[in-house]
Every structure is written in structure tokens, then in C-alpha cells.
């Protein structure tokens, strides 16, 4: 489908179109079409939301820091952990 669009350009927009025509060697219509397609692509890129501490990490465990069963023995030395588990070795 082909359509014709007329637009009034302020001096700044007119200057931008003329600059692009000279730099790119395109017609005014080509500049406008390329600009519209560029804007559509920019708008359609989904923005990733970054949340700290949410999701699975290298361990693959999503609730590593909040589930108490994963935290059992955390921060203990080997000797303390062995004593807690009842498998302490005697020398």
C-alpha cells in the first residue's frame, strides 16, 4: 500500500532532512521512510527490566539466599560442619 504524507517541518527539522539528504545521497522521501522505519525499530525493542537478586544465578537455584535449607552450615568451618553433622574425624 502506498500513501502520500504531507508534513510541515520547522526550521530545525528541515535542516536535519537537508543534512541527511546531503550526507547519505538519498531523496527526501527515502530519508523520511528510513527515519520512520528506524523509529519503529527503536520503539519495538522490549526493554529488559533488571531486578537485583531475582531469578536463577550460576548455581541454578532461584531461592538460594531466602530458603533456610540452603543456608544450613553456611559460614561454618569444616570442623564445625563435621561436628554439626556428627561425622567429626578424630586424629
PDB file of N, CA and C in Angstrom:
ATOM      1  N   UNK A   1       0.833  -1.167   0.000  1.00  0.00           N
ATOM      2  CA  UNK A   1       0.000   0.000   0.000  1.00  0.00           C
ATOM      3  C   UNK A   1       0.889   1.244   0.000  1.00  0.00           C
ATOM      4  N   UNK A   2       0.656   2.112  -0.908  1.00  0.00           N
ATOM      5  CA  UNK A   2       1.409   3.358  -0.991  1.00  0.00           C
ATOM      6  C   UNK A   2       0.550   4.492  -0.468  1.00  0.00           C
ATOM      7  N   UNK A   3       1.159   5.391   0.259  1.00  0.00           N
ATOM      8  CA  UNK A   3       0.442   6.538   0.788  1.00  0.00           C
ATOM      9  C   UNK A   3       1.318   7.770   0.630  1.00  0.00           C
ATOM     10  N   UNK A   4       0.681   8.883   0.483  1.00  0.00           N
ATOM     11  CA  UNK A   4       1.389  10.148   0.414  1.00  0.00           C
ATOM     12  C   UNK A   4       1.096  10.915   1.694  1.00  0.00           C
ATOM     13  N   UNK A   5       2.154  11.418   2.299  1.00  0.00           N
ATOM     14  CA  UNK A   5       2.011  12.171   3.538  1.00  0.00           C
ATOM     15  C   UNK A   5       2.624  13.549   3.326  1.00  0.00           C
ATOM     16  N   UNK A   6       1.931  14.548   3.768  1.00  0.00           N
ATOM     17  CA  UNK A   6       2.473  15.909   3.752  1.00  0.00           C
ATOM     18  C   UNK A   6       2.731  16.319   5.193  1.00  0.00           C
ATOM     19  N   UNK A   7       3.854  16.959   5.400  1.00  0.00           N
ATOM     20  CA  UNK A   7       4.174  17.390   6.757  1.00  0.00           C
ATOM     21  C   UNK A   7       4.789  18.777   6.721  1.00  0.00           C
ATOM     22  N   UNK A   8       4.451  19.574   7.701  1.00  0.00           N
ATOM     23  CA  UNK A   8       5.086  20.880   7.861  1.00  0.00           C
ATOM     24  C   UNK A   8       6.299  20.685   8.767  1.00  0.00           C
ATOM     25  N   UNK A   9       7.435  21.136   8.322  1.00  0.00           N
ATOM     26  CA  UNK A   9       8.662  20.983   9.098  1.00  0.00           C
ATOM     27  C   UNK A   9       9.089  22.332   9.656  1.00  0.00           C
ATOM     28  N   UNK A  10       9.450  22.335  10.919  1.00  0.00           N
ATOM     29  CA  UNK A  10      10.023  23.559  11.481  1.00  0.00           C
ATOM     30  C   UNK A  10      11.443  23.690  10.923  1.00  0.00           C
ATOM     31  N   UNK A  11      12.065  24.826  11.093  1.00  0.00           N
ATOM     32  CA  UNK A  11      13.404  25.029  10.510  1.00  0.00           C
ATOM     33  C   UNK A  11      14.430  23.978  10.958  1.00  0.00           C
ATOM     34  N   UNK A  12      14.355  23.560  12.203  1.00  0.00           N
ATOM     35  CA  UNK A  12      15.321  22.565  12.709  1.00  0.00           C
ATOM     36  C   UNK A  12      15.137  21.220  12.001  1.00  0.00           C
ATOM     37  N   UNK A  13      13.878  20.780  11.852  1.00  0.00           N
ATOM     38  CA  UNK A  13      13.605  19.512  11.176  1.00  0.00           C
ATOM     39  C   UNK A  13      13.970  19.603   9.701  1.00  0.00           C
ATOM     40  N   UNK A  14      13.682  20.745   9.057  1.00  0.00           N
ATOM     41  CA  UNK A  14      14.034  20.938   7.642  1.00  0.00           C
ATOM     42  C   UNK A  14      15.540  20.847   7.460  1.00  0.00           C
ATOM     43  N   UNK A  15      16.283  21.471   8.385  1.00  0.00           N
ATOM     44  CA  UNK A  15      17.745  21.421   8.311  1.00  0.00           C
ATOM     45  C   UNK A  15      18.249  19.990   8.481  1.00  0.00           C
ATOM     46  N   UNK A  16      17.619  19.242   9.393  1.00  0.00           N
ATOM     47  CA  UNK A  16      18.024  17.845   9.615  1.00  0.00           C
ATOM     48  C   UNK A  16      17.791  17.010   8.364  1.00  0.00           C
ATOM     49  N   UNK A  17      16.653  17.193   7.711  1.00  0.00           N
ATOM     50  CA  UNK A  17      16.353  16.447   6.477  1.00  0.00           C
ATOM     51  C   UNK A  17      17.368  16.797   5.400  1.00  0.00           C
ATOM     52  N   UNK A  18      17.637  18.086   5.229  1.00  0.00           N
ATOM     53  CA  UNK A  18      18.595  18.518   4.199  1.00  0.00           C
ATOM     54  C   UNK A  18      19.997  17.970   4.473  1.00  0.00           C
ATOM     55  N   UNK A  19      20.386  17.940   5.750  1.00  0.00           N
ATOM     56  CA  UNK A  19      21.696  17.404   6.121  1.00  0.00           C
ATOM     57  C   UNK A  19      21.782  15.917   5.766  1.00  0.00           C
ATOM     58  N   UNK A  20      20.734  15.167   6.092  1.00  0.00           N
ATOM     59  CA  UNK A  20      20.729  13.734   5.782  1.00  0.00           C
ATOM     60  C   UNK A  20      20.724  13.488   4.275  1.00  0.00           C
ATOM     61  N   UNK A  21      20.006  14.299   3.536  1.00  0.00           N
ATOM     62  CA  UNK A  21      19.975  14.163   2.073  1.00  0.00           C
ATOM     63  C   UNK A  21      21.383  14.319   1.512  1.00  0.00           C
ATOM     64  N   UNK A  22      22.094  15.354   1.989  1.00  0.00           N
ATOM     65  CA  UNK A  22      23.462  15.587   1.501  1.00  0.00           C
ATOM     66  C   UNK A  22      24.410  14.472   1.937  1.00  0.00           C
ATOM     67  N   UNK A  23      24.370  14.099   3.210  1.00  0.00           N
ATOM     68  CA  UNK A  23      25.312  13.098   3.739  1.00  0.00           C
ATOM     69  C   UNK A  23      25.094  11.715   3.137  1.00  0.00           C
ATOM     70  N   UNK A  24      23.828  11.338   2.998  1.00  0.00           N
ATOM     71  CA  UNK A  24      23.520   9.969   2.571  1.00  0.00           C
ATOM     72  C   UNK A  24      23.247   9.838   1.088  1.00  0.00           C
ATOM     73  N   UNK A  25      23.080  10.944   0.415  1.00  0.00           N
ATOM     74  CA  UNK A  25      22.789  10.895  -1.021  1.00  0.00           C
ATOM     75  C   UNK A  25      21.422  10.293  -1.306  1.00  0.00           C
ATOM     76  N   UNK A  26      20.474  10.523  -0.422  1.00  0.00           N
ATOM     77  CA  UNK A  26      19.131   9.975  -0.573  1.00  0.00           C
ATOM     78  C   UNK A  26      18.169  11.088  -0.964  1.00  0.00           C
ATOM     79  N   UNK A  27      17.018  10.677  -1.477  1.00  0.00           N
ATOM     80  CA  UNK A  27      15.964  11.640  -1.765  1.00  0.00           C
ATOM     81  C   UNK A  27      15.244  11.986  -0.463  1.00  0.00           C
ATOM     82  N   UNK A  28      14.501  13.103  -0.452  1.00  0.00           N
ATOM     83  CA  UNK A  28      13.753  13.435   0.762  1.00  0.00           C
ATOM     84  C   UNK A  28      12.801  12.311   1.181  1.00  0.00           C
ATOM     85  N   UNK A  29      12.149  11.669   0.227  1.00  0.00           N
ATOM     86  CA  UNK A  29      11.234  10.574   0.552  1.00  0.00           C
ATOM     87  C   UNK A  29      11.976   9.401   1.180  1.00  0.00           C
ATOM     88  N   UNK A  30      13.161   9.083   0.650  1.00  0.00           N
ATOM     89  CA  UNK A  30      13.943   7.975   1.207  1.00  0.00           C
ATOM     90  C   UNK A  30      14.387   8.277   2.641  1.00  0.00           C
ATOM     91  N   UNK A  31      14.765   9.527   2.891  1.00  0.00           N
ATOM     92  CA  UNK A  31      15.185   9.924   4.243  1.00  0.00           C
ATOM     93  C   UNK A  31      14.025   9.770   5.217  1.00  0.00           C
ATOM     94  N   UNK A  32      12.832  10.238   4.822  1.00  0.00           N
ATOM     95  CA  UNK A  32      11.667  10.152   5.700  1.00  0.00           C
ATOM     96  C   UNK A  32      11.287   8.699   5.942  1.00  0.00           C
ATOM     97  N   UNK A  33      11.273   7.877   4.888  1.00  0.00           N
ATOM     98  CA  UNK A  33      10.923   6.450   5.058  1.00  0.00           C
ATOM     99  C   UNK A  33      11.922   5.749   5.977  1.00  0.00           C
ATOM    100  N   UNK A  34      13.214   5.982   5.742  1.00  0.00           N
ATOM    101  CA  UNK A  34      14.240   5.340   6.575  1.00  0.00           C
ATOM    102  C   UNK A  34      14.124   5.801   8.026  1.00  0.00           C
ATOM    103  N   UNK A  35      13.820   7.066   8.224  1.00  0.00           N
ATOM    104  CA  UNK A  35      13.678   7.597   9.588  1.00  0.00           C
ATOM    105  C   UNK A  35      12.485   6.968  10.298  1.00  0.00           C
ATOM    106  N   UNK A  36      11.377   6.801   9.583  1.00  0.00           N
ATOM    107  CA  UNK A  36      10.196   6.171  10.178  1.00  0.00           C
ATOM    108  C   UNK A  36      10.482   4.720  10.561  1.00  0.00           C
ATOM    109  N   UNK A  37      11.143   3.979   9.666  1.00  0.00           N
ATOM    110  CA  UNK A  37      11.469   2.585   9.966  1.00  0.00           C
ATOM    111  C   UNK A  37      12.421   2.487  11.153  1.00  0.00           C
ATOM    112  N   UNK A  38      13.371   3.410  11.225  1.00  0.00           N
ATOM    113  CA  UNK A  38      14.302   3.434  12.353  1.00  0.00           C
ATOM    114  C   UNK A  38      13.555   3.665  13.660  1.00  0.00           C
ATOM    115  N   UNK A  39      12.619   4.599  13.660  1.00  0.00           N
ATOM    116  CA  UNK A  39      11.850   4.877  14.881  1.00  0.00           C
ATOM    117  C   UNK A  39      11.008   3.677  15.298  1.00  0.00           C
ATOM    118  N   UNK A  40      10.428   2.990  14.335  1.00  0.00           N
ATOM    119  CA  UNK A  40       9.620   1.803  14.657  1.00  0.00           C
ATOM    120  C   UNK A  40      10.495   0.738  15.304  1.00  0.00           C
ATOM    121  N   UNK A  41      11.692   0.511  14.752  1.00  0.00           N
ATOM    122  CA  UNK A  41      12.599  -0.488  15.326  1.00  0.00           C
ATOM    123  C   UNK A  41      13.011  -0.104  16.743  1.00  0.00           C
ATOM    124  N   UNK A  42      13.283   1.170  16.962  1.00  0.00           N
ATOM    125  CA  UNK A  42      13.678   1.628  18.297  1.00  0.00           C
ATOM    126  C   UNK A  42      12.550   1.450  19.308  1.00  0.00           C
ATOM    127  N   UNK A  43      11.330   1.678  18.896  1.00  0.00           N
ATOM    128  CA  UNK A  43      10.185   1.569  19.796  1.00  0.00           C
ATOM    129  C   UNK A  43       9.796   0.125  20.067  1.00  0.00           C
ATOM    130  N   UNK A  44      10.112  -0.783  19.147  1.00  0.00           N
ATOM    131  CA  UNK A  44       9.670  -2.169  19.310  1.00  0.00           C
ATOM    132  C   UNK A  44      10.656  -3.029  20.087  1.00  0.00           C
ATOM    133  N   UNK A  45      11.819  -2.493  20.437  1.00  0.00           N
ATOM    134  CA  UNK A  45      12.787  -3.260  21.221  1.00  0.00           C
ATOM    135  C   UNK A  45      12.271  -3.329  22.654  1.00  0.00           C
ATOM    136  N   UNK A  46      11.982  -4.541  23.139  1.00  0.00           N
ATOM    137  CA  UNK A  46      11.487  -4.646  24.512  1.00  0.00           C
ATOM    138  C   UNK A  46      12.589  -4.272  25.496  1.00  0.00           C
ATOM    139  N   UNK A  47      12.219  -3.472  26.448  1.00  0.00           N
ATOM    140  CA  UNK A  47      13.163  -3.061  27.480  1.00  0.00           C
ATOM    141  C   UNK A  47      13.243  -4.148  28.542  1.00  0.00           C
ATOM    142  N   UNK A  48      14.455  -4.612  28.807  1.00  0.00           N
ATOM    143  CA  UNK A  48      14.649  -5.599  29.865  1.00  0.00           C
ATOM    144  C   UNK A  48      14.620  -4.907  31.199  1.00  0.00           C
ATOM    145  N   UNK A  49      13.869  -5.454  32.082  1.00  0.00           N
ATOM    146  CA  UNK A  49      13.836  -4.903  33.427  1.00  0.00           C
ATOM    147  C   UNK A  49      14.861  -5.655  34.265  1.00  0.00           C
ATOM    148  N   UNK A  50      15.734  -4.911  34.853  1.00  0.00           N
ATOM    149  CA  UNK A  50      16.776  -5.510  35.678  1.00  0.00           C
ATOM    150  C   UNK A  50      16.373  -5.418  37.140  1.00  0.00           C
ATOM    151  N   UNK A  51      16.253  -6.562  37.748  1.00  0.00           N
ATOM    152  CA  UNK A  51      15.951  -6.630  39.163  1.00  0.00           C
ATOM    153  C   UNK A  51      17.121  -7.310  39.842  1.00  0.00           C
ATOM    154  N   UNK A  52      17.658  -6.659  40.826  1.00  0.00           N
ATOM    155  CA  UNK A  52      18.750  -7.264  41.572  1.00  0.00           C
ATOM    156  C   UNK A  52      18.218  -8.363  42.472  1.00  0.00           C
ATOM    157  N   UNK A  53      18.847  -9.500  42.421  1.00  0.00           N
ATOM    158  CA  UNK A  53      18.516 -10.566  43.343  1.00  0.00           C
ATOM    159  C   UNK A  53      17.289 -11.380  42.983  1.00  0.00           C
ATOM    160  N   UNK A  54      16.804 -11.263  41.757  1.00  0.00           N
ATOM    161  CA  UNK A  54      15.623 -12.023  41.365  1.00  0.00           C
ATOM    162  C   UNK A  54      16.016 -12.974  40.242  1.00  0.00           C
ATOM    163  N   UNK A  55      15.614 -14.227  40.341  1.00  0.00           N
ATOM    164  CA  UNK A  55      15.879 -15.187  39.276  1.00  0.00           C
ATOM    165  C   UNK A  55      16.919 -16.200  39.658  1.00  0.00           C
ATOM    166  N   UNK A  56      17.312 -16.983  38.690  1.00  0.00           N
ATOM    167  CA  UNK A  56      18.320 -18.013  38.923  1.00  0.00           C
ATOM    168  C   UNK A  56      19.684 -17.489  38.527  1.00  0.00           C
ATOM    169  N   UNK A  57      20.662 -17.912  39.268  1.00  0.00           N
ATOM    170  CA  UNK A  57      22.006 -17.472  39.010  1.00  0.00           C
ATOM    171  C   UNK A  57      22.866 -18.673  38.623  1.00  0.00           C
ATOM    172  N   UNK A  58      24.156 -18.526  38.699  1.00  0.00           N
ATOM    173  CA  UNK A  58      25.077 -19.563  38.258  1.00  0.00           C
ATOM    174  C   UNK A  58      24.790 -20.910  38.914  1.00  0.00           C
ATOM    175  N   UNK A  59      24.341 -20.875  40.162  1.00  0.00           N
ATOM    176  CA  UNK A  59      24.053 -22.127  40.873  1.00  0.00           C
ATOM    177  C   UNK A  59      22.815 -22.813  40.324  1.00  0.00           C
ATOM    178  N   UNK A  60      21.934 -22.034  39.652  1.00  0.00           N
ATOM    179  CA  UNK A  60      20.685 -22.590  39.150  1.00  0.00           C
ATOM    180  C   UNK A  60      19.587 -22.647  40.197  1.00  0.00           C
ATOM    181  N   UNK A  61      19.896 -22.180  41.403  1.00  0.00           N
ATOM    182  CA  UNK A  61      18.920 -22.206  42.496  1.00  0.00           C
ATOM    183  C   UNK A  61      18.358 -20.798  42.657  1.00  0.00           C
ATOM    184  N   UNK A  62      17.061 -20.642  42.446  1.00  0.00           N
ATOM    185  CA  UNK A  62      16.444 -19.333  42.486  1.00  0.00           C
ATOM    186  C   UNK A  62      16.238 -18.777  43.880  1.00  0.00           C
ATOM    187  N   UNK A  63      16.124 -19.642  44.889  1.00  0.00           N
ATOM    188  CA  UNK A  63      15.848 -19.157  46.249  1.00  0.00           C
ATOM    189  C   UNK A  63      17.023 -19.433  47.184  1.00  0.00           C
ATOM    190  N   UNK A  64      18.218 -19.370  46.651  1.00  0.00           N
ATOM    191  CA  UNK A  64      19.415 -19.736  47.406  1.00  0.00           C
ATOM    192  C   UNK A  64      19.575 -18.919  48.695  1.00  0.00           C
ATOM    193  N   UNK A  65      19.311 -17.638  48.639  1.00  0.00           N
ATOM    194  CA  UNK A  65      19.542 -16.783  49.804  1.00  0.00           C
ATOM    195  C   UNK A  65      18.343 -16.703  50.733  1.00  0.00           C
ATOM    196  N   UNK A  66      17.172 -17.135  50.290  1.00  0.00           N
ATOM    197  CA  UNK A  66      15.984 -16.970  51.120  1.00  0.00           C
ATOM    198  C   UNK A  66      15.469 -18.268  51.711  1.00  0.00           C
ATOM    199  N   UNK A  67      15.868 -19.396  51.162  1.00  0.00           N
ATOM    200  CA  UNK A  67      15.399 -20.685  51.660  1.00  0.00           C
ATOM    201  C   UNK A  67      16.387 -21.181  52.719  1.00  0.00           C
ATOM    202  N   UNK A  68      15.920 -21.358  53.938  1.00  0.00           N
ATOM    203  CA  UNK A  68      16.796 -21.722  55.053  1.00  0.00           C
ATOM    204  C   UNK A  68      17.527 -23.038  54.854  1.00  0.00           C
ATOM    205  N   UNK A  69      16.919 -23.981  54.121  1.00  0.00           N
ATOM    206  CA  UNK A  69      17.593 -25.273  53.948  1.00  0.00           C
ATOM    207  C   UNK A  69      18.889 -25.124  53.151  1.00  0.00           C
ATOM    208  N   UNK A  70      18.971 -24.111  52.285  1.00  0.00           N
ATOM    209  CA  UNK A  70      20.200 -23.879  51.524  1.00  0.00           C
ATOM    210  C   UNK A  70      21.258 -23.204  52.380  1.00  0.00           C
ATOM    211  N   UNK A  71      20.848 -22.599  53.480  1.00  0.00           N
ATOM    212  CA  UNK A  71      21.767 -21.834  54.313  1.00  0.00           C
ATOM    213  C   UNK A  71      22.331 -22.646  55.481  1.00  0.00           C
ATOM    214  N   UNK A  72      21.884 -23.877  55.659  1.00  0.00           N
ATOM    215  CA  UNK A  72      22.376 -24.701  56.767  1.00  0.00           C
ATOM    216  C   UNK A  72      23.881 -24.910  56.631  1.00  0.00           C
ATOM    217  N   UNK A  73      24.604 -24.601  57.664  1.00  0.00           N
ATOM    218  CA  UNK A  73      26.048 -24.802  57.668  1.00  0.00           C
ATOM    219  C   UNK A  73      26.824 -23.685  56.999  1.00  0.00           C
ATOM    220  N   UNK A  74      26.149 -22.686  56.499  1.00  0.00           N
ATOM    221  CA  UNK A  74      26.834 -21.581  55.824  1.00  0.00           C
ATOM    222  C   UNK A  74      27.688 -20.818  56.821  1.00  0.00           C
ATOM    223  N   UNK A  75      28.930 -20.572  56.479  1.00  0.00           N
ATOM    224  CA  UNK A  75      29.827 -19.809  57.339  1.00  0.00           C
ATOM    225  C   UNK A  75      30.560 -20.649  58.365  1.00  0.00           C
ATOM    226  N   UNK A  76      30.298 -21.944  58.417  1.00  0.00           N
ATOM    227  CA  UNK A  76      30.979 -22.808  59.373  1.00  0.00           C
ATOM    228  C   UNK A  76      32.271 -23.333  58.767  1.00  0.00           C
ATOM    229  N   UNK A  77      33.238 -23.601  59.630  1.00  0.00           N
ATOM    230  CA  UNK A  77      34.460 -24.236  59.164  1.00  0.00           C
ATOM    231  C   UNK A  77      34.164 -25.711  58.906  1.00  0.00           C
ATOM    232  N   UNK A  78      35.076 -26.399  58.264  1.00  0.00           N
ATOM    233  CA  UNK A  78      34.875 -27.834  58.004  1.00  0.00           C
ATOM    234  C   UNK A  78      34.696 -28.607  59.306  1.00  0.00           C
ATOM    235  N   UNK A  79      35.489 -28.232  60.301  1.00  0.00           N
ATOM    236  CA  UNK A  79      35.397 -28.916  61.585  1.00  0.00           C
ATOM    237  C   UNK A  79      34.038 -28.682  62.235  1.00  0.00           C
ATOM    238  N   UNK A  80      33.563 -27.436  62.204  1.00  0.00           N
ATOM    239  CA  UNK A  80      32.262 -27.126  62.796  1.00  0.00           C
ATOM    240  C   UNK A  80      31.141 -27.846  62.040  1.00  0.00           C
ATOM    241  N   UNK A  81      31.259 -27.886  60.719  1.00  0.00           N
ATOM    242  CA  UNK A  81      30.236 -28.535  59.917  1.00  0.00           C
ATOM    243  C   UNK A  81      30.224 -30.045  60.187  1.00  0.00           C
ATOM    244  N   UNK A  82      31.412 -30.658  60.300  1.00  0.00           N
ATOM    245  CA  UNK A  82      31.501 -32.085  60.580  1.00  0.00           C
ATOM    246  C   UNK A  82      30.920 -32.394  61.955  1.00  0.00           C
ATOM    247  N   UNK A  83      31.187 -31.519  62.907  1.00  0.00           N
ATOM    248  CA  UNK A  83      30.650 -31.724  64.260  1.00  0.00           C
ATOM    249  C   UNK A  83      29.124 -31.620  64.241  1.00  0.00           C
ATOM    250  N   UNK A  84      28.604 -30.654  63.488  1.00  0.00           N
ATOM    251  CA  UNK A  84      27.164 -30.475  63.364  1.00  0.00           C
ATOM    252  C   UNK A  84      26.513 -31.707  62.710  1.00  0.00           C
ATOM    253  N   UNK A  85      27.209 -32.267  61.721  1.00  0.00           N
ATOM    254  CA  UNK A  85      26.663 -33.446  61.023  1.00  0.00           C
ATOM    255  C   UNK A  85      26.957 -34.747  61.769  1.00  0.00           C
ATOM    256  N   UNK A  86      27.789 -34.682  62.806  1.00  0.00           N
ATOM    257  CA  UNK A  86      28.107 -35.875  63.586  1.00  0.00           C
ATOM    258  C   UNK A  86      29.107 -36.792  62.902  1.00  0.00           C
ATOM    259  N   UNK A  87      29.886 -36.257  61.986  1.00  0.00           N
ATOM    260  CA  UNK A  87      30.864 -37.080  61.278  1.00  0.00           C
ATOM    261  C   UNK A  87      32.266 -36.576  61.516  1.00  0.00           C
ATOM    262  N   UNK A  88      32.514 -36.043  62.701  1.00  0.00           N
ATOM    263  CA  UNK A  88      33.828 -35.487  63.013  1.00  0.00           C
ATOM    264  C   UNK A  88      34.870 -36.592  63.039  1.00  0.00           C
ATOM    265  N   UNK A  89      35.985 -36.325  62.366  1.00  0.00           N
ATOM    266  CA  UNK A  89      37.071 -37.290  62.330  1.00  0.00           C
ATOM    267  C   UNK A  89      37.991 -37.051  63.527  1.00  0.00           C
ATOM    268  N   UNK A  90      38.476 -38.104  64.093  1.00  0.00           N
ATOM    269  CA  UNK A  90      39.431 -37.981  65.190  1.00  0.00           C
ATOM    270  C   UNK A  90      40.828 -38.202  64.636  1.00  0.00           C
ATOM    271  N   UNK A  91      41.791 -37.492  65.151  1.00  0.00           N
ATOM    272  CA  UNK A  91      43.175 -37.610  64.663  1.00  0.00           C
ATOM    273  C   UNK A  91      43.940 -38.582  65.450  1.00  0.00           C
TER     274      UNK A  91
END
